[in-house]
Amino acid sequence: MSNEAAVANNRSLTLGAAAGALGYLALGLTLLAYGIVSTGVIHNTTVADTHALTLWVGGVALAICGLVEFRAGSAATGTAFAGLGALWVVASQASPSSANAAGLFYIIWALLALALTASQWRGGSMLLRGVYGLFTVALVLWAIGSFAGSSGLDKTAGWVAAVAGLLSWYSATVSLGGSSWAGLSLPVR
């Protein structure tokens, strides 16, 4: 049995029809980078430093994964990737004219994340529920932080987004490698 066949037989988490793992890796890495930079943990960095990553990985690559998923017949994953790809393209290029405009931007995209969370509620993956649910919370916190001018809420949102990114990365890792790696059994529920 080939390695690919062994992995396919051992897979217990399926992420989309064709490009799911790549899409969740792109989403995870983008959320992780954007979130960590938002926390201020890495000195002398700003969200603007993530623009290339958010444009090419979170935006373009994720949108292409969405198109591949639509082509393969996975409307839910295609919608998630294409919608979130659009979010990251806009986020990489936008420069809101006011704090209220930034807050509105986050609220609008939180609605998409909330819809994606709801789409996973019946029969979906608990990991993906966590990814989308935490991303929704992060977007709402960023919105409130923007409206209130609270850097503390922005930092909290960054941590929540980073955890969502780790969950997305973990989901893709499990999907790619099956539920066990080197004898270590990975929880996938």
C-alpha atoms as a PDB file:
ATOM      1  CA  MET A   1       0.000   0.000   0.000  1.00  0.00           C
ATOM      2  CA  SER A   2       1.396   3.417  -0.926  1.00  0.00           C
ATOM      3  CA  ASN A   3       1.866   6.199   1.608  1.00  0.00           C
ATOM      4  CA  GLU A   4      -0.988   8.180   0.044  1.00  0.00           C
ATOM      5  CA  ALA A   5      -3.350   5.207   0.277  1.00  0.00           C
ATOM      6  CA  ALA A   6      -2.346   4.551   3.883  1.00  0.00           C
ATOM      7  CA  VAL A   7      -2.996   8.177   4.792  1.00  0.00           C
ATOM      8  CA  ALA A   8      -6.346   8.126   2.966  1.00  0.00           C
ATOM      9  CA  ASN A   9      -7.415   5.002   4.856  1.00  0.00           C
ATOM     10  CA  ASN A  10      -6.392   6.561   8.174  1.00  0.00           C
ATOM     11  CA  ARG A  11      -8.060   9.884   7.611  1.00  0.00           C
ATOM     12  CA  SER A  12     -10.719  10.770  10.146  1.00  0.00           C
ATOM     13  CA  LEU A  13     -11.182  14.443   9.343  1.00  0.00           C
ATOM     14  CA  THR A  14     -12.174  15.469   5.829  1.00  0.00           C
ATOM     15  CA  LEU A  15     -11.744  19.126   4.936  1.00  0.00           C
ATOM     16  CA  GLY A  16     -13.518  19.806   1.677  1.00  0.00           C
ATOM     17  CA  ALA A  17     -13.393  17.903  -1.565  1.00  0.00           C
ATOM     18  CA  ALA A  18     -10.166  18.958  -3.237  1.00  0.00           C
ATOM     19  CA  ALA A  19      -8.259  21.882  -1.728  1.00  0.00           C
ATOM     20  CA  GLY A  20      -9.521  21.787   1.854  1.00  0.00           C
ATOM     21  CA  ALA A  21      -6.235  21.115   3.594  1.00  0.00           C
ATOM     22  CA  LEU A  22      -4.399  23.804   1.610  1.00  0.00           C
ATOM     23  CA  GLY A  23      -7.199  26.280   2.277  1.00  0.00           C
ATOM     24  CA  TYR A  24      -7.211  25.642   6.008  1.00  0.00           C
ATOM     25  CA  LEU A  25      -3.406  25.920   6.077  1.00  0.00           C
ATOM     26  CA  ALA A  26      -3.641  29.280   4.296  1.00  0.00           C
ATOM     27  CA  LEU A  27      -6.366  30.473   6.656  1.00  0.00           C
ATOM     28  CA  GLY A  28      -4.493  29.217   9.711  1.00  0.00           C
ATOM     29  CA  LEU A  29      -1.169  30.811   8.814  1.00  0.00           C
ATOM     30  CA  THR A  30      -2.831  34.119   7.938  1.00  0.00           C
ATOM     31  CA  LEU A  31      -4.877  34.219  11.149  1.00  0.00           C
ATOM     32  CA  LEU A  32      -1.854  33.252  13.192  1.00  0.00           C
ATOM     33  CA  ALA A  33       0.369  35.962  11.691  1.00  0.00           C
ATOM     34  CA  TYR A  34      -2.304  38.696  11.749  1.00  0.00           C
ATOM     35  CA  GLY A  35      -3.361  37.736  15.267  1.00  0.00           C
ATOM     36  CA  ILE A  36       0.124  37.600  16.762  1.00  0.00           C
ATOM     37  CA  VAL A  37       1.116  40.915  15.209  1.00  0.00           C
ATOM     38  CA  SER A  38      -2.133  42.428  16.563  1.00  0.00           C
ATOM     39  CA  THR A  39      -1.193  41.392  20.095  1.00  0.00           C
ATOM     40  CA  GLY A  40       1.943  43.516  20.061  1.00  0.00           C
ATOM     41  CA  VAL A  41       4.048  40.611  21.332  1.00  0.00           C
ATOM     42  CA  ILE A  42       6.553  41.050  18.520  1.00  0.00           C
ATOM     43  CA  HIS A  43       8.020  44.513  18.958  1.00  0.00           C
ATOM     44  CA  ASN A  44       8.321  46.983  16.092  1.00  0.00           C
ATOM     45  CA  THR A  45       5.659  45.254  13.985  1.00  0.00           C
ATOM     46  CA  THR A  46       2.245  46.423  12.883  1.00  0.00           C
ATOM     47  CA  VAL A  47      -0.640  44.828  11.039  1.00  0.00           C
ATOM     48  CA  ALA A  48       0.690  46.585   7.916  1.00  0.00           C
ATOM     49  CA  ASP A  49       3.688  44.225   8.104  1.00  0.00           C
ATOM     50  CA  THR A  50       1.346  41.314   7.346  1.00  0.00           C
ATOM     51  CA  HIS A  51      -0.117  42.820   4.161  1.00  0.00           C
ATOM     52  CA  ALA A  52       1.884  40.662   1.740  1.00  0.00           C
ATOM     53  CA  LEU A  53       0.933  37.502   3.638  1.00  0.00           C
ATOM     54  CA  THR A  54      -2.717  38.504   3.938  1.00  0.00           C
ATOM     55  CA  LEU A  55      -2.894  39.364   0.233  1.00  0.00           C
ATOM     56  CA  TRP A  56      -1.142  36.343  -1.272  1.00  0.00           C
ATOM     57  CA  VAL A  57      -1.728  33.542   1.242  1.00  0.00           C
ATOM     58  CA  GLY A  58      -4.929  34.570   2.999  1.00  0.00           C
ATOM     59  CA  GLY A  59      -6.385  36.298  -0.053  1.00  0.00           C
ATOM     60  CA  VAL A  60      -5.324  34.924  -3.400  1.00  0.00           C
ATOM     61  CA  ALA A  61      -4.397  31.356  -2.385  1.00  0.00           C
ATOM     62  CA  LEU A  62      -7.513  31.001  -0.230  1.00  0.00           C
ATOM     63  CA  ALA A  63      -9.784  32.347  -2.984  1.00  0.00           C
ATOM     64  CA  ILE A  64      -8.252  29.926  -5.502  1.00  0.00           C
ATOM     65  CA  CYS A  65      -8.866  27.086  -3.029  1.00  0.00           C
ATOM     66  CA  GLY A  66     -12.469  28.276  -2.843  1.00  0.00           C
ATOM     67  CA  LEU A  67     -12.844  28.065  -6.616  1.00  0.00           C
ATOM     68  CA  VAL A  68     -11.335  24.571  -6.631  1.00  0.00           C
ATOM     69  CA  GLU A  69     -13.749  23.525  -3.882  1.00  0.00           C
ATOM     70  CA  PHE A  70     -16.732  24.922  -5.824  1.00  0.00           C
ATOM     71  CA  ARG A  71     -15.552  23.034  -8.919  1.00  0.00           C
ATOM     72  CA  ALA A  72     -15.306  19.825  -6.866  1.00  0.00           C
ATOM     73  CA  GLY A  73     -18.884  20.278  -5.622  1.00  0.00           C
ATOM     74  CA  SER A  74     -18.185  21.450  -2.080  1.00  0.00           C
ATOM     75  CA  ALA A  75     -20.365  24.547  -1.790  1.00  0.00           C
ATOM     76  CA  ALA A  76     -19.792  25.073   1.954  1.00  0.00           C
ATOM     77  CA  THR A  77     -16.004  24.941   1.805  1.00  0.00           C
ATOM     78  CA  GLY A  78     -15.966  26.874  -1.461  1.00  0.00           C
ATOM     79  CA  THR A  79     -18.077  29.615   0.089  1.00  0.00           C
ATOM     80  CA  ALA A  80     -15.853  29.732   3.173  1.00  0.00           C
ATOM     81  CA  PHE A  81     -12.610  29.962   1.221  1.00  0.00           C
ATOM     82  CA  ALA A  82     -13.832  32.383  -1.452  1.00  0.00           C
ATOM     83  CA  GLY A  83     -15.481  34.637   1.138  1.00  0.00           C
ATOM     84  CA  LEU A  84     -12.526  34.609   3.509  1.00  0.00           C
ATOM     85  CA  GLY A  85     -10.154  35.079   0.578  1.00  0.00           C
ATOM     86  CA  ALA A  86     -12.063  38.236  -0.305  1.00  0.00           C
ATOM     87  CA  LEU A  87     -11.832  39.399   3.310  1.00  0.00           C
ATOM     88  CA  TRP A  88      -8.040  39.048   3.353  1.00  0.00           C
ATOM     89  CA  VAL A  89      -7.598  40.731  -0.040  1.00  0.00           C
ATOM     90  CA  VAL A  90      -9.636  43.704   1.165  1.00  0.00           C
ATOM     91  CA  ALA A  91      -7.889  43.734   4.564  1.00  0.00           C
ATOM     92  CA  SER A  92      -4.484  43.840   2.876  1.00  0.00           C
ATOM     93  CA  GLN A  93      -5.441  46.784   0.684  1.00  0.00           C
ATOM     94  CA  ALA A  94      -7.794  48.794   2.902  1.00  0.00           C
ATOM     95  CA  SER A  95      -6.854  51.843   4.888  1.00  0.00           C
ATOM     96  CA  PRO A  96     -10.013  52.884   6.731  1.00  0.00           C
ATOM     97  CA  SER A  97     -10.542  56.623   6.981  1.00  0.00           C
ATOM     98  CA  SER A  98     -11.713  56.430  10.593  1.00  0.00           C
ATOM     99  CA  ALA A  99     -11.987  54.125  13.581  1.00  0.00           C
ATOM    100  CA  ASN A 100     -15.710  53.791  12.878  1.00  0.00           C
ATOM    101  CA  ALA A 101     -15.012  52.689   9.297  1.00  0.00           C
ATOM    102  CA  ALA A 102     -12.612  50.044  10.619  1.00  0.00           C
ATOM    103  CA  GLY A 103     -15.227  48.897  13.138  1.00  0.00           C
ATOM    104  CA  LEU A 104     -17.834  48.604  10.409  1.00  0.00           C
ATOM    105  CA  PHE A 105     -15.371  46.600   8.288  1.00  0.00           C
ATOM    106  CA  TYR A 106     -14.895  44.102  11.128  1.00  0.00           C
ATOM    107  CA  ILE A 107     -18.645  43.838  11.842  1.00  0.00           C
ATOM    108  CA  ILE A 108     -19.469  43.120   8.193  1.00  0.00           C
ATOM    109  CA  TRP A 109     -16.891  40.329   8.012  1.00  0.00           C
ATOM    110  CA  ALA A 110     -17.968  38.998  11.421  1.00  0.00           C
ATOM    111  CA  LEU A 111     -21.341  38.276   9.813  1.00  0.00           C
ATOM    112  CA  LEU A 112     -19.615  36.045   7.249  1.00  0.00           C
ATOM    113  CA  ALA A 113     -17.644  34.280   9.990  1.00  0.00           C
ATOM    114  CA  LEU A 114     -20.853  33.801  11.996  1.00  0.00           C
ATOM    115  CA  ALA A 115     -22.567  32.251   8.957  1.00  0.00           C
ATOM    116  CA  LEU A 116     -19.600  29.901   8.526  1.00  0.00           C
ATOM    117  CA  THR A 117     -19.792  28.961  12.215  1.00  0.00           C
ATOM    118  CA  ALA A 118     -23.493  28.184  11.866  1.00  0.00           C
ATOM    119  CA  SER A 119     -22.791  26.087   8.764  1.00  0.00           C
ATOM    120  CA  GLN A 120     -20.632  23.767  10.867  1.00  0.00           C
ATOM    121  CA  TRP A 121     -23.122  23.401  13.696  1.00  0.00           C
ATOM    122  CA  ARG A 122     -25.084  20.420  12.400  1.00  0.00           C
ATOM    123  CA  GLY A 123     -22.828  17.592  11.421  1.00  0.00           C
ATOM    124  CA  GLY A 124     -19.752  19.729  10.942  1.00  0.00           C
ATOM    125  CA  SER A 125     -16.354  19.346  12.503  1.00  0.00           C
ATOM    126  CA  MET A 126     -15.892  20.539  16.073  1.00  0.00           C
ATOM    127  CA  LEU A 127     -12.453  21.842  15.072  1.00  0.00           C
ATOM    128  CA  LEU A 128     -13.888  23.920  12.234  1.00  0.00           C
ATOM    129  CA  ARG A 129     -16.631  25.181  14.526  1.00  0.00           C
ATOM    130  CA  GLY A 130     -13.835  26.373  16.773  1.00  0.00           C
ATOM    131  CA  VAL A 131     -11.954  28.023  13.905  1.00  0.00           C
ATOM    132  CA  TYR A 132     -14.959  29.946  12.628  1.00  0.00           C
ATOM    133  CA  GLY A 133     -16.414  30.633  16.080  1.00  0.00           C
ATOM    134  CA  LEU A 134     -13.163  32.055  17.431  1.00  0.00           C
ATOM    135  CA  PHE A 135     -12.654  34.068  14.258  1.00  0.00           C
ATOM    136  CA  THR A 136     -16.146  35.526  14.711  1.00  0.00           C
ATOM    137  CA  VAL A 137     -15.296  36.491  18.296  1.00  0.00           C
ATOM    138  CA  ALA A 138     -11.994  38.043  17.168  1.00  0.00           C
ATOM    139  CA  LEU A 139     -13.726  40.127  14.484  1.00  0.00           C
ATOM    140  CA  VAL A 140     -16.358  41.347  16.964  1.00  0.00           C
ATOM    141  CA  LEU A 141     -13.646  42.243  19.485  1.00  0.00           C
ATOM    142  CA  TRP A 142     -11.697  44.122  16.794  1.00  0.00           C
ATOM    143  CA  ALA A 143     -14.896  45.971  15.858  1.00  0.00           C
ATOM    144  CA  ILE A 144     -15.663  46.961  19.449  1.00  0.00           C
ATOM    145  CA  GLY A 145     -12.014  47.899  19.950  1.00  0.00           C
ATOM    146  CA  SER A 146     -12.151  50.113  16.863  1.00  0.00           C
ATOM    147  CA  PHE A 147     -15.394  51.812  17.892  1.00  0.00           C
ATOM    148  CA  ALA A 148     -14.193  52.334  21.480  1.00  0.00           C
ATOM    149  CA  GLY A 149     -10.568  53.108  20.651  1.00  0.00           C
ATOM    150  CA  SER A 150      -9.416  50.299  22.944  1.00  0.00           C
ATOM    151  CA  SER A 151      -6.004  48.834  22.217  1.00  0.00           C
ATOM    152  CA  GLY A 152      -6.646  46.251  24.950  1.00  0.00           C
ATOM    153  CA  LEU A 153      -9.563  44.801  22.995  1.00  0.00           C
ATOM    154  CA  ASP A 154      -7.449  44.811  19.837  1.00  0.00           C
ATOM    155  CA  LYS A 155      -4.783  42.770  21.617  1.00  0.00           C
ATOM    156  CA  THR A 156      -7.378  40.358  23.010  1.00  0.00           C
ATOM    157  CA  ALA A 157      -8.824  39.959  19.508  1.00  0.00           C
ATOM    158  CA  GLY A 158      -5.327  39.209  18.247  1.00  0.00           C
ATOM    159  CA  TRP A 159      -4.924  36.370  20.750  1.00  0.00           C
ATOM    160  CA  VAL A 160      -8.340  34.929  19.847  1.00  0.00           C
ATOM    161  CA  ALA A 161      -7.465  35.117  16.130  1.00  0.00           C
ATOM    162  CA  ALA A 162      -4.108  33.434  16.787  1.00  0.00           C
ATOM    163  CA  VAL A 163      -5.849  30.542  18.568  1.00  0.00           C
ATOM    164  CA  ALA A 164      -8.306  30.266  15.645  1.00  0.00           C
ATOM    165  CA  GLY A 165      -5.297  30.164  13.313  1.00  0.00           C
ATOM    166  CA  LEU A 166      -3.706  27.375  15.326  1.00  0.00           C
ATOM    167  CA  LEU A 167      -6.951  25.377  15.196  1.00  0.00           C
ATOM    168  CA  SER A 168      -7.158  25.862  11.433  1.00  0.00           C
ATOM    169  CA  TRP A 169      -3.536  24.790  10.997  1.00  0.00           C
ATOM    170  CA  TYR A 170      -4.140  21.772  13.250  1.00  0.00           C
ATOM    171  CA  SER A 171      -7.251  20.765  11.269  1.00  0.00           C
ATOM    172  CA  ALA A 172      -5.286  20.867   8.022  1.00  0.00           C
ATOM    173  CA  THR A 173      -2.379  18.974   9.557  1.00  0.00           C
ATOM    174  CA  VAL A 174      -4.670  16.190  10.761  1.00  0.00           C
ATOM    175  CA  SER A 175      -6.397  16.069   7.378  1.00  0.00           C
ATOM    176  CA  LEU A 176      -3.094  15.780   5.543  1.00  0.00           C
ATOM    177  CA  GLY A 177      -1.510  13.200   7.781  1.00  0.00           C
ATOM    178  CA  GLY A 178      -4.396  11.210   9.134  1.00  0.00           C
ATOM    179  CA  SER A 179      -5.224  10.974  12.805  1.00  0.00           C
ATOM    180  CA  SER A 180      -1.850   9.625  13.891  1.00  0.00           C
ATOM    181  CA  TRP A 181       1.668  10.787  13.247  1.00  0.00           C
ATOM    182  CA  ALA A 182       4.689   8.722  14.263  1.00  0.00           C
ATOM    183  CA  GLY A 183       2.557   6.652  16.598  1.00  0.00           C
ATOM    184  CA  LEU A 184       1.033   9.699  18.283  1.00  0.00           C
ATOM    185  CA  SER A 185      -2.749   9.700  18.101  1.00  0.00           C
ATOM    186  CA  LEU A 186      -4.135  13.168  17.373  1.00  0.00           C
ATOM    187  CA  PRO A 187      -7.595  14.137  18.601  1.00  0.00           C
ATOM    188  CA  VAL A 188      -9.803  15.174  15.677  1.00  0.00           C
ATOM    189  CA  ARG A 189     -13.287  15.615  17.025  1.00  0.00           C
END
